[in-house]
Amino acid sequence: MISLVLMSNFPLAKRTNMPTNKNAYLRFRIIDECLRNKNKYFNRHSIADRISDKLGYNVSVNAIDKDIRALKEEFDAPIKYDKFQNRYYYAHSFSLASVELNHDEEDALNLSLSILDILKETKYAKSYKNLIQKLVTRATKGENDGIIEFEQTPVQLDSSIFDALYDAIKRKEALVITYQVYGKQRKNHTVSPYMIKEYRNRFYLVAREHMTENDNELIFCFGMDRIKSVAKAKEPFLVTHGFTPKDFFKHSFGISRDLQKEPMTLVLKFNNLIAPYILSKPLHPSQQIVEQTEAYLTVIIVVFESFELNMAILGYGSRVEVLSPKSYIDYLKNEINGMNQIYRKR
C-alpha cells in the first residue's frame, strides 16, 4: 500500500475529525446544498438519490443517516427532521461554507490548500482539480480577499515525476532515479521506493538504495524537486523488514535523521514569553511537560538530532535553555562560539 505522509491536517472549527475520505466531504457538501434549498424538500431517500446522481455511484440511506449525524456532531449543523412533512431542514441559517475557523485552523487550512494546489496537476488529483481550485480560489479571492495570505511555494512539483513515483510505490517496483544534489553532478540511483513525505510544502521520496545488504544504512530521503528523471529498474523491489512509515519518522524532527544514532531525550526550558506558543503548538508529538511555572516551562522531546532541529532550537535564541543531554549542549556551545567570532568584529 502506498504511503503519502503529509505534515498537515485539514481541520475545520470544532471539527477535530474532519473526514479523511474525500468522498465523505463531497457528500457533506451536497447534503448542505439540499438542506439550504428553499424550493424543494429532501428526506433521506431523496438526499441519497441526489448524491448518487452527482457522484456517479449508489449511496445508501444508512450512509445518509451517518453523514447527517456527523454533520450535527462535528460541524454543529442545526439539522432537524419534520416527521409530518418527511423532510430534513436547518433550524436556522447555516452553511458549511460559512463555518468560522480559529487562528490555528486558518493556518492549517492555508497549508492544506497550498499542498492541494501543488498536487492538483497529478493524475490522481485531476478528477478533483475543479474542487481544489474552487477551495483555493474561495479562500484567497472570495469574501476574505486579503485577509488570509497563503504561504508561497517557490518549488514547482513535476507532476509526471510524482505520478511515476506514486505508481512505483503502489506496484512495489524498483526504480532508477536521476538525482542532482545542489551544486553537484547528476547521479543515477537504483532504489526501492517506500513512501512520499511532505514537509513544509516540499515533497520527498523515502526509498531504499540498492547498494549493500545492510538495511539500516540504505533508507534515504530524496528531495522530489531534485529528481530529474525516473525509469523502471531491472532489479527486483527490495523489502526492508520492520520498516513502517509511522515508525521511521516517529522521532524525526523535520525530514532528516541519522540512521546510525538513537533518538535523544532533549530537555528544554522556555521562558514565560515563549512558553504559551510551545504549549499551544508542541515542538514534536513526543513533547511532555516536566514543569510549568509562571516564569518558565520545561518540556522533554524524544528526537533524532537533525539540521531542522538545530535550526529550530537556535532560532529561539535566549528564550530557551537546553538542560540535557550534555552532548547537545556542547554542540550549541560550539555554534554560539562560532557566532561570537563572527559578530565580535562588528
C-alpha atoms as a PDB file:
ATOM      1  CA  MET A   1       0.000   0.000   0.000  1.00  0.00           C
ATOM      2  CA  ILE A   2       1.303   3.443  -0.882  1.00  0.00           C
ATOM      3  CA  SER A   3       2.085   5.826   1.916  1.00  0.00           C
ATOM      4  CA  LEU A   4       1.741   9.558   1.355  1.00  0.00           C
ATOM      5  CA  VAL A   5       2.586  11.320   4.583  1.00  0.00           C
ATOM      6  CA  LEU A   6       1.534  14.951   4.983  1.00  0.00           C
ATOM      7  CA  MET A   7       2.707  17.056   7.891  1.00  0.00           C
ATOM      8  CA  SER A   8      -0.582  18.949   7.945  1.00  0.00           C
ATOM      9  CA  ASN A   9      -4.216  18.044   8.554  1.00  0.00           C
ATOM     10  CA  PHE A  10      -7.437  19.674   7.326  1.00  0.00           C
ATOM     11  CA  PRO A  11      -9.471  20.561  10.447  1.00  0.00           C
ATOM     12  CA  LEU A  12     -12.437  22.916  10.482  1.00  0.00           C
ATOM     13  CA  ALA A  13     -13.540  24.860  13.581  1.00  0.00           C
ATOM     14  CA  LYS A  14     -14.759  22.479  16.304  1.00  0.00           C
ATOM     15  CA  ARG A  15     -14.315  19.646  13.863  1.00  0.00           C
ATOM     16  CA  THR A  16     -11.299  17.690  15.084  1.00  0.00           C
ATOM     17  CA  ASN A  17     -12.253  14.685  12.987  1.00  0.00           C
ATOM     18  CA  MET A  18     -12.528  16.118   9.508  1.00  0.00           C
ATOM     19  CA  PRO A  19     -13.374  13.167   7.224  1.00  0.00           C
ATOM     20  CA  THR A  20     -10.231  11.727   5.682  1.00  0.00           C
ATOM     21  CA  ASN A  21     -12.340  10.184   2.914  1.00  0.00           C
ATOM     22  CA  LYS A  22     -12.640  12.841   0.213  1.00  0.00           C
ATOM     23  CA  ASN A  23     -15.990  11.380  -0.917  1.00  0.00           C
ATOM     24  CA  ALA A  24     -17.403  11.923   2.582  1.00  0.00           C
ATOM     25  CA  TYR A  25     -16.648  15.632   2.362  1.00  0.00           C
ATOM     26  CA  LEU A  26     -18.266  15.805  -1.082  1.00  0.00           C
ATOM     27  CA  ARG A  27     -21.386  14.123   0.332  1.00  0.00           C
ATOM     28  CA  PHE A  28     -21.437  16.659   3.162  1.00  0.00           C
ATOM     29  CA  ARG A  29     -21.383  19.494   0.650  1.00  0.00           C
ATOM     30  CA  ILE A  30     -24.277  18.023  -1.326  1.00  0.00           C
ATOM     31  CA  ILE A  31     -26.344  17.445   1.830  1.00  0.00           C
ATOM     32  CA  ASP A  32     -25.669  21.045   2.801  1.00  0.00           C
ATOM     33  CA  GLU A  33     -26.909  22.215  -0.600  1.00  0.00           C
ATOM     34  CA  CYS A  34     -30.069  20.111  -0.248  1.00  0.00           C
ATOM     35  CA  LEU A  35     -30.925  21.468   3.196  1.00  0.00           C
ATOM     36  CA  ARG A  36     -30.413  25.061   2.044  1.00  0.00           C
ATOM     37  CA  ASN A  37     -32.765  24.561  -0.914  1.00  0.00           C
ATOM     38  CA  LYS A  38     -35.908  26.590  -0.212  1.00  0.00           C
ATOM     39  CA  ASN A  39     -37.803  25.264  -3.233  1.00  0.00           C
ATOM     40  CA  LYS A  40     -37.699  21.541  -2.521  1.00  0.00           C
ATOM     41  CA  TYR A  41     -37.994  19.247   0.486  1.00  0.00           C
ATOM     42  CA  PHE A  42     -35.450  16.477   0.998  1.00  0.00           C
ATOM     43  CA  ASN A  43     -35.714  13.316   3.078  1.00  0.00           C
ATOM     44  CA  ARG A  44     -33.076  10.599   3.492  1.00  0.00           C
ATOM     45  CA  HIS A  45     -34.155   8.857   0.258  1.00  0.00           C
ATOM     46  CA  SER A  46     -34.171  11.967  -1.937  1.00  0.00           C
ATOM     47  CA  ILE A  47     -30.827  13.068  -0.468  1.00  0.00           C
ATOM     48  CA  ALA A  48     -29.373   9.647  -1.269  1.00  0.00           C
ATOM     49  CA  ASP A  49     -30.692   9.939  -4.834  1.00  0.00           C
ATOM     50  CA  ARG A  50     -29.237  13.424  -5.274  1.00  0.00           C
ATOM     51  CA  ILE A  51     -25.803  12.348  -4.033  1.00  0.00           C
ATOM     52  CA  SER A  52     -25.869   9.185  -6.163  1.00  0.00           C
ATOM     53  CA  ASP A  53     -26.631  11.256  -9.256  1.00  0.00           C
ATOM     54  CA  LYS A  54     -23.896  13.788  -8.575  1.00  0.00           C
ATOM     55  CA  LEU A  55     -21.143  11.376  -7.565  1.00  0.00           C
ATOM     56  CA  GLY A  56     -21.970   8.609 -10.019  1.00  0.00           C
ATOM     57  CA  TYR A  57     -22.328   5.741  -7.560  1.00  0.00           C
ATOM     58  CA  ASN A  58     -25.100   4.459  -5.313  1.00  0.00           C
ATOM     59  CA  VAL A  59     -25.282   5.871  -1.800  1.00  0.00           C
ATOM     60  CA  SER A  60     -27.455   4.073   0.773  1.00  0.00           C
ATOM     61  CA  VAL A  61     -29.898   5.765   3.134  1.00  0.00           C
ATOM     62  CA  ASN A  62     -27.880   4.298   6.001  1.00  0.00           C
ATOM     63  CA  ALA A  63     -24.874   6.253   4.756  1.00  0.00           C
ATOM     64  CA  ILE A  64     -27.035   9.396   4.715  1.00  0.00           C
ATOM     65  CA  ASP A  65     -28.039   8.782   8.338  1.00  0.00           C
ATOM     66  CA  LYS A  66     -24.355   8.563   9.320  1.00  0.00           C
ATOM     67  CA  ASP A  67     -23.482  11.675   7.308  1.00  0.00           C
ATOM     68  CA  ILE A  68     -26.262  13.703   8.909  1.00  0.00           C
ATOM     69  CA  ARG A  69     -25.149  12.545  12.343  1.00  0.00           C
ATOM     70  CA  ALA A  70     -21.552  13.541  11.504  1.00  0.00           C
ATOM     71  CA  LEU A  71     -22.667  16.969  10.289  1.00  0.00           C
ATOM     72  CA  LYS A  72     -24.532  17.552  13.550  1.00  0.00           C
ATOM     73  CA  GLU A  73     -21.766  16.288  15.802  1.00  0.00           C
ATOM     74  CA  GLU A  74     -18.677  17.548  14.002  1.00  0.00           C
ATOM     75  CA  PHE A  75     -19.959  20.747  12.374  1.00  0.00           C
ATOM     76  CA  ASP A  76     -22.718  21.770  14.790  1.00  0.00           C
ATOM     77  CA  ALA A  77     -25.107  21.748  11.831  1.00  0.00           C
ATOM     78  CA  PRO A  78     -28.613  22.629  13.148  1.00  0.00           C
ATOM     79  CA  ILE A  79     -30.321  19.764  11.256  1.00  0.00           C
ATOM     80  CA  LYS A  80     -33.880  18.928  12.286  1.00  0.00           C
ATOM     81  CA  TYR A  81     -36.408  16.378  10.998  1.00  0.00           C
ATOM     82  CA  ASP A  82     -40.066  17.194  10.342  1.00  0.00           C
ATOM     83  CA  LYS A  83     -41.908  13.865  10.542  1.00  0.00           C
ATOM     84  CA  PHE A  84     -45.172  15.344   9.235  1.00  0.00           C
ATOM     85  CA  GLN A  85     -43.563  16.664   6.050  1.00  0.00           C
ATOM     86  CA  ASN A  86     -40.969  13.869   5.982  1.00  0.00           C
ATOM     87  CA  ARG A  87     -38.041  16.199   5.425  1.00  0.00           C
ATOM     88  CA  TYR A  88     -34.771  17.385   6.914  1.00  0.00           C
ATOM     89  CA  TYR A  89     -34.116  21.104   7.304  1.00  0.00           C
ATOM     90  CA  TYR A  90     -31.873  23.640   9.025  1.00  0.00           C
ATOM     91  CA  ALA A  91     -33.451  25.061  12.191  1.00  0.00           C
ATOM     92  CA  HIS A  92     -31.697  28.341  11.481  1.00  0.00           C
ATOM     93  CA  SER A  93     -29.427  29.842   8.832  1.00  0.00           C
ATOM     94  CA  PHE A  94     -26.353  27.658   8.309  1.00  0.00           C
ATOM     95  CA  SER A  95     -23.912  26.665   5.595  1.00  0.00           C
ATOM     96  CA  LEU A  96     -20.708  24.660   5.566  1.00  0.00           C
ATOM     97  CA  ALA A  97     -19.210  27.499   3.531  1.00  0.00           C
ATOM     98  CA  SER A  98     -19.750  29.906   6.428  1.00  0.00           C
ATOM     99  CA  VAL A  99     -18.155  27.785   9.144  1.00  0.00           C
ATOM    100  CA  GLU A 100     -15.773  30.010  11.061  1.00  0.00           C
ATOM    101  CA  LEU A 101     -12.178  28.988  11.702  1.00  0.00           C
ATOM    102  CA  ASN A 102      -9.996  29.846  14.644  1.00  0.00           C
ATOM    103  CA  HIS A 103      -6.428  31.081  14.132  1.00  0.00           C
ATOM    104  CA  ASP A 104      -4.757  27.668  14.282  1.00  0.00           C
ATOM    105  CA  GLU A 105      -7.348  26.187  11.928  1.00  0.00           C
ATOM    106  CA  GLU A 106      -6.830  29.007   9.418  1.00  0.00           C
ATOM    107  CA  ASP A 107      -3.117  28.220   9.410  1.00  0.00           C
ATOM    108  CA  ALA A 108      -3.829  24.512   8.901  1.00  0.00           C
ATOM    109  CA  LEU A 109      -6.338  25.290   6.129  1.00  0.00           C
ATOM    110  CA  ASN A 110      -3.846  27.550   4.356  1.00  0.00           C
ATOM    111  CA  LEU A 111      -1.165  24.874   4.407  1.00  0.00           C
ATOM    112  CA  SER A 112      -3.581  22.134   3.363  1.00  0.00           C
ATOM    113  CA  LEU A 113      -4.933  24.106   0.420  1.00  0.00           C
ATOM    114  CA  SER A 114      -1.437  25.121  -0.596  1.00  0.00           C
ATOM    115  CA  ILE A 115      -0.462  21.432  -0.701  1.00  0.00           C
ATOM    116  CA  LEU A 116      -3.633  20.546  -2.614  1.00  0.00           C
ATOM    117  CA  ASP A 117      -2.838  23.291  -5.097  1.00  0.00           C
ATOM    118  CA  ILE A 118       0.599  21.746  -5.664  1.00  0.00           C
ATOM    119  CA  LEU A 119      -0.887  18.275  -6.193  1.00  0.00           C
ATOM    120  CA  LYS A 120      -3.791  19.238  -8.443  1.00  0.00           C
ATOM    121  CA  GLU A 121      -1.877  18.511 -11.674  1.00  0.00           C
ATOM    122  CA  THR A 122      -1.029  14.935 -10.673  1.00  0.00           C
ATOM    123  CA  LYS A 123      -3.198  12.345 -12.359  1.00  0.00           C
ATOM    124  CA  TYR A 124      -4.529  11.091  -9.027  1.00  0.00           C
ATOM    125  CA  ALA A 125      -5.872  14.513  -8.107  1.00  0.00           C
ATOM    126  CA  LYS A 126      -7.010  15.709 -11.545  1.00  0.00           C
ATOM    127  CA  SER A 127     -10.520  14.354 -11.043  1.00  0.00           C
ATOM    128  CA  TYR A 128     -10.781  16.732  -8.081  1.00  0.00           C
ATOM    129  CA  LYS A 129      -8.939  19.601  -9.763  1.00  0.00           C
ATOM    130  CA  ASN A 130     -12.052  21.759 -10.055  1.00  0.00           C
ATOM    131  CA  LEU A 131     -12.941  21.200  -6.412  1.00  0.00           C
ATOM    132  CA  ILE A 132      -9.391  22.022  -5.301  1.00  0.00           C
ATOM    133  CA  GLN A 133      -9.344  25.162  -7.449  1.00  0.00           C
ATOM    134  CA  LYS A 134     -12.679  26.286  -6.013  1.00  0.00           C
ATOM    135  CA  LEU A 135     -11.387  25.831  -2.473  1.00  0.00           C
ATOM    136  CA  VAL A 136      -8.156  27.686  -3.187  1.00  0.00           C
ATOM    137  CA  THR A 137      -9.912  30.488  -5.082  1.00  0.00           C
ATOM    138  CA  ARG A 138     -12.592  30.860  -2.465  1.00  0.00           C
ATOM    139  CA  ALA A 139     -10.084  31.165   0.359  1.00  0.00           C
ATOM    140  CA  THR A 140      -7.867  33.644  -1.476  1.00  0.00           C
ATOM    141  CA  LYS A 141     -10.209  35.704  -3.631  1.00  0.00           C
ATOM    142  CA  GLY A 142     -13.625  35.459  -2.037  1.00  0.00           C
ATOM    143  CA  GLU A 143     -15.166  37.450   0.754  1.00  0.00           C
ATOM    144  CA  ASN A 144     -11.944  37.137   2.760  1.00  0.00           C
ATOM    145  CA  ASP A 145      -9.833  38.650  -0.015  1.00  0.00           C
ATOM    146  CA  GLY A 146      -6.653  39.996   1.532  1.00  0.00           C
ATOM    147  CA  ILE A 147      -7.396  38.571   4.968  1.00  0.00           C
ATOM    148  CA  ILE A 148      -5.800  35.140   4.529  1.00  0.00           C
ATOM    149  CA  GLU A 149      -2.354  35.152   2.931  1.00  0.00           C
ATOM    150  CA  PHE A 150      -1.136  31.830   1.572  1.00  0.00           C
ATOM    151  CA  GLU A 151       2.432  30.695   2.030  1.00  0.00           C
ATOM    152  CA  GLN A 152       4.056  30.803  -1.374  1.00  0.00           C
ATOM    153  CA  THR A 153       5.766  27.656  -2.588  1.00  0.00           C
ATOM    154  CA  PRO A 154       8.803  28.518  -4.727  1.00  0.00           C
ATOM    155  CA  VAL A 155       9.468  24.913  -5.766  1.00  0.00           C
ATOM    156  CA  GLN A 156       7.217  23.629  -8.542  1.00  0.00           C
ATOM    157  CA  LEU A 157       6.179  19.998  -8.392  1.00  0.00           C
ATOM    158  CA  ASP A 158       6.803  17.946 -11.549  1.00  0.00           C
ATOM    159  CA  SER A 159       3.525  16.040 -11.724  1.00  0.00           C
ATOM    160  CA  SER A 160       4.945  13.402 -14.093  1.00  0.00           C
ATOM    161  CA  ILE A 161       7.707  12.598 -11.586  1.00  0.00           C
ATOM    162  CA  PHE A 162       5.195  12.486  -8.739  1.00  0.00           C
ATOM    163  CA  ASP A 163       2.892  10.156 -10.686  1.00  0.00           C
ATOM    164  CA  ALA A 164       5.757   7.833 -11.630  1.00  0.00           C
ATOM    165  CA  LEU A 165       6.912   7.577  -8.020  1.00  0.00           C
ATOM    166  CA  TYR A 166       3.364   7.077  -6.768  1.00  0.00           C
ATOM    167  CA  ASP A 167       2.790   4.256  -9.274  1.00  0.00           C
ATOM    168  CA  ALA A 168       6.053   2.542  -8.374  1.00  0.00           C
ATOM    169  CA  ILE A 169       5.277   2.605  -4.653  1.00  0.00           C
ATOM    170  CA  LYS A 170       1.802   1.263  -5.290  1.00  0.00           C
ATOM    171  CA  ARG A 171       3.076  -1.538  -7.521  1.00  0.00           C
ATOM    172  CA  LYS A 172       6.236  -2.219  -5.479  1.00  0.00           C
ATOM    173  CA  GLU A 173       8.566  -1.639  -8.435  1.00  0.00           C
ATOM    174  CA  ALA A 174      12.243  -0.702  -8.202  1.00  0.00           C
ATOM    175  CA  LEU A 175      13.323   2.470  -9.990  1.00  0.00           C
ATOM    176  CA  VAL A 176      16.362   4.201 -11.375  1.00  0.00           C
ATOM    177  CA  ILE A 177      16.158   7.855 -10.431  1.00  0.00           C
ATOM    178  CA  THR A 178      18.459  10.567 -11.728  1.00  0.00           C
ATOM    179  CA  TYR A 179      19.192  12.779  -8.763  1.00  0.00           C
ATOM    180  CA  GLN A 180      21.080  16.057  -8.547  1.00  0.00           C
ATOM    181  CA  VAL A 181      22.294  17.351  -5.208  1.00  0.00           C
ATOM    182  CA  TYR A 182      22.625  21.149  -5.157  1.00  0.00           C
ATOM    183  CA  GLY A 183      25.920  22.192  -6.724  1.00  0.00           C
ATOM    184  CA  LYS A 184      26.867  18.666  -7.837  1.00  0.00           C
ATOM    185  CA  GLN A 185      26.610  16.493 -10.946  1.00  0.00           C
ATOM    186  CA  ARG A 186      23.596  14.316 -11.619  1.00  0.00           C
ATOM    187  CA  LYS A 187      23.839  10.742 -10.416  1.00  0.00           C
ATOM    188  CA  ASN A 188      21.731   7.638 -11.013  1.00  0.00           C
ATOM    189  CA  HIS A 189      20.399   5.722  -8.009  1.00  0.00           C
ATOM    190  CA  THR A 190      18.632   2.360  -8.110  1.00  0.00           C
ATOM    191  CA  VAL A 191      16.041   2.426  -5.354  1.00  0.00           C
ATOM    192  CA  SER A 192      13.006   0.660  -3.955  1.00  0.00           C
ATOM    193  CA  PRO A 193      10.525   3.475  -3.211  1.00  0.00           C
ATOM    194  CA  TYR A 194       8.609   3.148   0.062  1.00  0.00           C
ATOM    195  CA  MET A 195       6.668   6.338   0.643  1.00  0.00           C
ATOM    196  CA  ILE A 196       6.241  10.030  -0.189  1.00  0.00           C
ATOM    197  CA  LYS A 197       6.592  12.551   2.631  1.00  0.00           C
ATOM    198  CA  GLU A 198       5.648  16.216   2.645  1.00  0.00           C
ATOM    199  CA  TYR A 199       7.426  18.727   4.845  1.00  0.00           C
ATOM    200  CA  ARG A 200       6.826  22.473   4.607  1.00  0.00           C
ATOM    201  CA  ASN A 201       5.320  22.293   1.122  1.00  0.00           C
ATOM    202  CA  ARG A 202       8.168  20.189  -0.276  1.00  0.00           C
ATOM    203  CA  PHE A 203       7.830  16.549  -1.205  1.00  0.00           C
ATOM    204  CA  TYR A 204      10.386  13.837  -0.547  1.00  0.00           C
ATOM    205  CA  LEU A 205      10.787  10.253  -1.711  1.00  0.00           C
ATOM    206  CA  VAL A 206      11.721   7.841   1.057  1.00  0.00           C
ATOM    207  CA  ALA A 207      13.444   4.882  -0.574  1.00  0.00           C
ATOM    208  CA  ARG A 208      15.941   2.089  -0.032  1.00  0.00           C
ATOM    209  CA  GLU A 209      19.025   2.374  -2.199  1.00  0.00           C
ATOM    210  CA  HIS A 210      20.366  -0.836  -3.757  1.00  0.00           C
ATOM    211  CA  MET A 211      23.977  -0.839  -2.603  1.00  0.00           C
ATOM    212  CA  THR A 212      24.631  -3.371   0.172  1.00  0.00           C
ATOM    213  CA  GLU A 213      22.711  -5.860   2.234  1.00  0.00           C
ATOM    214  CA  ASN A 214      22.673  -3.710   5.389  1.00  0.00           C
ATOM    215  CA  ASP A 215      19.082  -2.460   5.621  1.00  0.00           C
ATOM    216  CA  ASN A 216      19.876   0.078   8.339  1.00  0.00           C
ATOM    217  CA  GLU A 217      22.206   2.063   6.102  1.00  0.00           C
ATOM    218  CA  LEU A 218      20.151   2.269   2.937  1.00  0.00           C
ATOM    219  CA  ILE A 219      16.979   4.262   3.527  1.00  0.00           C
ATOM    220  CA  PHE A 220      17.255   7.840   2.258  1.00  0.00           C
ATOM    221  CA  CYS A 221      15.035  10.875   1.702  1.00  0.00           C
ATOM    222  CA  PHE A 222      15.360  12.279  -1.816  1.00  0.00           C
ATOM    223  CA  GLY A 223      14.036  15.790  -2.423  1.00  0.00           C
ATOM    224  CA  MET A 224      11.490  15.424  -5.215  1.00  0.00           C
ATOM    225  CA  ASP A 225      12.489  18.748  -6.786  1.00  0.00           C
ATOM    226  CA  ARG A 226      15.986  17.294  -7.274  1.00  0.00           C
ATOM    227  CA  ILE A 227      14.786  14.127  -9.006  1.00  0.00           C
ATOM    228  CA  LYS A 228      15.330  14.844 -12.710  1.00  0.00           C
ATOM    229  CA  SER A 229      14.043  11.608 -14.252  1.00  0.00           C
ATOM    230  CA  VAL A 230      12.524   8.260 -13.294  1.00  0.00           C
ATOM    231  CA  ALA A 231      12.748   4.893 -15.062  1.00  0.00           C
ATOM    232  CA  LYS A 232      11.885   1.319 -14.169  1.00  0.00           C
ATOM    233  CA  ALA A 233      14.828  -0.705 -12.877  1.00  0.00           C
ATOM    234  CA  LYS A 234      15.730  -4.213 -13.971  1.00  0.00           C
ATOM    235  CA  GLU A 235      16.339  -5.207 -10.372  1.00  0.00           C
ATOM    236  CA  PRO A 236      13.542  -6.529  -8.151  1.00  0.00           C
ATOM    237  CA  PHE A 237      11.865  -4.448  -5.469  1.00  0.00           C
ATOM    238  CA  LEU A 238      13.613  -4.847  -2.092  1.00  0.00           C
ATOM    239  CA  VAL A 239      11.643  -5.046   1.134  1.00  0.00           C
ATOM    240  CA  THR A 240      13.211  -3.741   4.335  1.00  0.00           C
ATOM    241  CA  HIS A 241      11.789  -5.847   7.131  1.00  0.00           C
ATOM    242  CA  GLY A 242      10.476  -3.839  10.023  1.00  0.00           C
ATOM    243  CA  PHE A 243      10.182  -0.608   8.044  1.00  0.00           C
ATOM    244  CA  THR A 244       6.925   1.285   8.578  1.00  0.00           C
ATOM    245  CA  PRO A 245       6.327   4.954   7.681  1.00  0.00           C
ATOM    246  CA  LYS A 246       4.947   5.732  11.128  1.00  0.00           C
ATOM    247  CA  ASP A 247       7.918   4.271  12.999  1.00  0.00           C
ATOM    248  CA  PHE A 248      10.535   5.627  10.588  1.00  0.00           C
ATOM    249  CA  PHE A 249       9.586   9.253  11.283  1.00  0.00           C
ATOM    250  CA  LYS A 250       8.300   8.750  14.838  1.00  0.00           C
ATOM    251  CA  HIS A 251      11.280  10.544  16.388  1.00  0.00           C
ATOM    252  CA  SER A 252      12.221  12.708  13.425  1.00  0.00           C
ATOM    253  CA  PHE A 253      12.216  16.478  13.619  1.00  0.00           C
ATOM    254  CA  GLY A 254      11.753  17.546  10.023  1.00  0.00           C
ATOM    255  CA  ILE A 255      12.733  15.375   7.086  1.00  0.00           C
ATOM    256  CA  SER A 256      16.199  14.145   8.026  1.00  0.00           C
ATOM    257  CA  ARG A 257      17.505  11.654  10.579  1.00  0.00           C
ATOM    258  CA  ASP A 258      20.786   9.923  11.325  1.00  0.00           C
ATOM    259  CA  LEU A 259      20.300   6.210  10.733  1.00  0.00           C
ATOM    260  CA  GLN A 260      23.363   5.389  12.833  1.00  0.00           C
ATOM    261  CA  LYS A 261      22.109   7.051  16.033  1.00  0.00           C
ATOM    262  CA  GLU A 262      19.367   6.515  18.567  1.00  0.00           C
ATOM    263  CA  PRO A 263      16.946   9.352  19.373  1.00  0.00           C
ATOM    264  CA  MET A 264      17.931  11.605  22.262  1.00  0.00           C
ATOM    265  CA  THR A 265      15.792  12.865  25.119  1.00  0.00           C
ATOM    266  CA  LEU A 266      16.048  16.632  24.846  1.00  0.00           C
ATOM    267  CA  VAL A 267      15.116  18.646  27.938  1.00  0.00           C
ATOM    268  CA  LEU A 268      14.213  22.253  27.139  1.00  0.00           C
ATOM    269  CA  LYS A 269      13.424  25.143  29.462  1.00  0.00           C
ATOM    270  CA  PHE A 270      11.485  28.004  27.825  1.00  0.00           C
ATOM    271  CA  ASN A 271      10.937  31.409  29.402  1.00  0.00           C
ATOM    272  CA  ASN A 272       7.464  32.770  30.040  1.00  0.00           C
ATOM    273  CA  LEU A 273       7.429  34.782  26.792  1.00  0.00           C
ATOM    274  CA  ILE A 274       7.684  31.751  24.528  1.00  0.00           C
ATOM    275  CA  ALA A 275       6.024  29.140  26.785  1.00  0.00           C
ATOM    276  CA  PRO A 276       2.445  29.824  25.578  1.00  0.00           C
ATOM    277  CA  TYR A 277       3.481  29.114  21.984  1.00  0.00           C
ATOM    278  CA  ILE A 278       5.142  25.842  22.972  1.00  0.00           C
ATOM    279  CA  LEU A 279       2.002  24.811  24.832  1.00  0.00           C
ATOM    280  CA  SER A 280      -0.380  25.746  22.014  1.00  0.00           C
ATOM    281  CA  LYS A 281       1.787  24.271  19.263  1.00  0.00           C
ATOM    282  CA  PRO A 282       4.077  21.496  20.588  1.00  0.00           C
ATOM    283  CA  LEU A 283       7.517  21.172  19.055  1.00  0.00           C
ATOM    284  CA  HIS A 284       7.077  17.443  18.453  1.00  0.00           C
ATOM    285  CA  PRO A 285       4.418  14.751  19.049  1.00  0.00           C
ATOM    286  CA  SER A 286       6.603  13.302  21.829  1.00  0.00           C
ATOM    287  CA  GLN A 287       6.526  16.566  23.801  1.00  0.00           C
ATOM    288  CA  GLN A 288       5.753  16.155  27.507  1.00  0.00           C
ATOM    289  CA  ILE A 289       5.595  18.812  30.206  1.00  0.00           C
ATOM    290  CA  VAL A 290       8.095  18.331  33.017  1.00  0.00           C
ATOM    291  CA  GLU A 291       7.409  21.522  34.972  1.00  0.00           C
ATOM    292  CA  GLN A 292       5.335  24.638  34.425  1.00  0.00           C
ATOM    293  CA  THR A 293       5.508  27.834  36.478  1.00  0.00           C
ATOM    294  CA  GLU A 294       4.731  31.492  35.882  1.00  0.00           C
ATOM    295  CA  ALA A 295       8.381  32.052  34.988  1.00  0.00           C
ATOM    296  CA  TYR A 296       9.197  29.117  32.732  1.00  0.00           C
ATOM    297  CA  LEU A 297       8.098  25.889  31.064  1.00  0.00           C
ATOM    298  CA  THR A 298      10.233  22.751  30.962  1.00  0.00           C
ATOM    299  CA  VAL A 299       9.449  20.034  28.422  1.00  0.00           C
ATOM    300  CA  ILE A 300      11.086  16.929  27.011  1.00  0.00           C
ATOM    301  CA  ILE A 301      11.018  15.694  23.437  1.00  0.00           C
ATOM    302  CA  VAL A 302      12.486  12.455  22.106  1.00  0.00           C
ATOM    303  CA  VAL A 303      14.028  13.202  18.721  1.00  0.00           C
ATOM    304  CA  PHE A 304      16.897  12.491  16.367  1.00  0.00           C
ATOM    305  CA  GLU A 305      19.408  15.263  16.030  1.00  0.00           C
ATOM    306  CA  SER A 306      18.926  16.909  12.639  1.00  0.00           C
ATOM    307  CA  PHE A 307      19.551  20.114  10.733  1.00  0.00           C
ATOM    308  CA  GLU A 308      15.898  21.073  11.151  1.00  0.00           C
ATOM    309  CA  LEU A 309      16.029  20.530  14.916  1.00  0.00           C
ATOM    310  CA  ASN A 310      19.224  22.542  15.274  1.00  0.00           C
ATOM    311  CA  MET A 311      17.784  25.462  13.323  1.00  0.00           C
ATOM    312  CA  ALA A 312      14.627  25.410  15.432  1.00  0.00           C
ATOM    313  CA  ILE A 313      16.451  25.382  18.788  1.00  0.00           C
ATOM    314  CA  LEU A 314      18.955  28.052  17.718  1.00  0.00           C
ATOM    315  CA  GLY A 315      16.060  30.117  16.410  1.00  0.00           C
ATOM    316  CA  TYR A 316      14.650  30.521  19.930  1.00  0.00           C
ATOM    317  CA  GLY A 317      17.888  32.232  20.989  1.00  0.00           C
ATOM    318  CA  SER A 318      17.994  33.200  24.668  1.00  0.00           C
ATOM    319  CA  ARG A 319      14.351  32.248  25.151  1.00  0.00           C
ATOM    320  CA  VAL A 320      15.274  28.581  25.620  1.00  0.00           C
ATOM    321  CA  GLU A 321      17.862  26.764  27.700  1.00  0.00           C
ATOM    322  CA  VAL A 322      18.848  23.194  26.857  1.00  0.00           C
ATOM    323  CA  LEU A 323      19.218  21.281  30.127  1.00  0.00           C
ATOM    324  CA  SER A 324      20.313  17.948  28.640  1.00  0.00           C
ATOM    325  CA  PRO A 325      21.869  15.935  27.093  1.00  0.00           C
ATOM    326  CA  LYS A 326      25.381  17.299  27.572  1.00  0.00           C
ATOM    327  CA  SER A 327      26.425  16.291  24.047  1.00  0.00           C
ATOM    328  CA  TYR A 328      23.757  18.573  22.571  1.00  0.00           C
ATOM    329  CA  ILE A 329      24.685  21.395  24.959  1.00  0.00           C
ATOM    330  CA  ASP A 330      28.283  21.074  23.743  1.00  0.00           C
ATOM    331  CA  TYR A 331      27.090  21.294  20.131  1.00  0.00           C
ATOM    332  CA  LEU A 332      25.184  24.507  20.894  1.00  0.00           C
ATOM    333  CA  LYS A 333      28.200  25.985  22.686  1.00  0.00           C
ATOM    334  CA  ASN A 334      30.331  25.416  19.593  1.00  0.00           C
ATOM    335  CA  GLU A 335      27.707  27.058  17.377  1.00  0.00           C
ATOM    336  CA  ILE A 336      27.371  30.037  19.725  1.00  0.00           C
ATOM    337  CA  ASN A 337      31.142  30.433  19.929  1.00  0.00           C
ATOM    338  CA  GLY A 338      31.252  30.434  16.139  1.00  0.00           C
ATOM    339  CA  MET A 339      28.630  33.198  16.029  1.00  0.00           C
ATOM    340  CA  ASN A 340      30.559  35.162  18.649  1.00  0.00           C
ATOM    341  CA  GLN A 341      33.643  35.019  16.438  1.00  0.00           C
ATOM    342  CA  ILE A 342      31.632  36.451  13.524  1.00  0.00           C
ATOM    343  CA  TYR A 343      29.985  39.298  15.449  1.00  0.00           C
ATOM    344  CA  ARG A 344      32.943  40.149  17.664  1.00  0.00           C
ATOM    345  CA  LYS A 345      34.345  42.077  14.711  1.00  0.00           C
ATOM    346  CA  ARG A 346      31.235  44.281  14.421  1.00  0.00           C
END
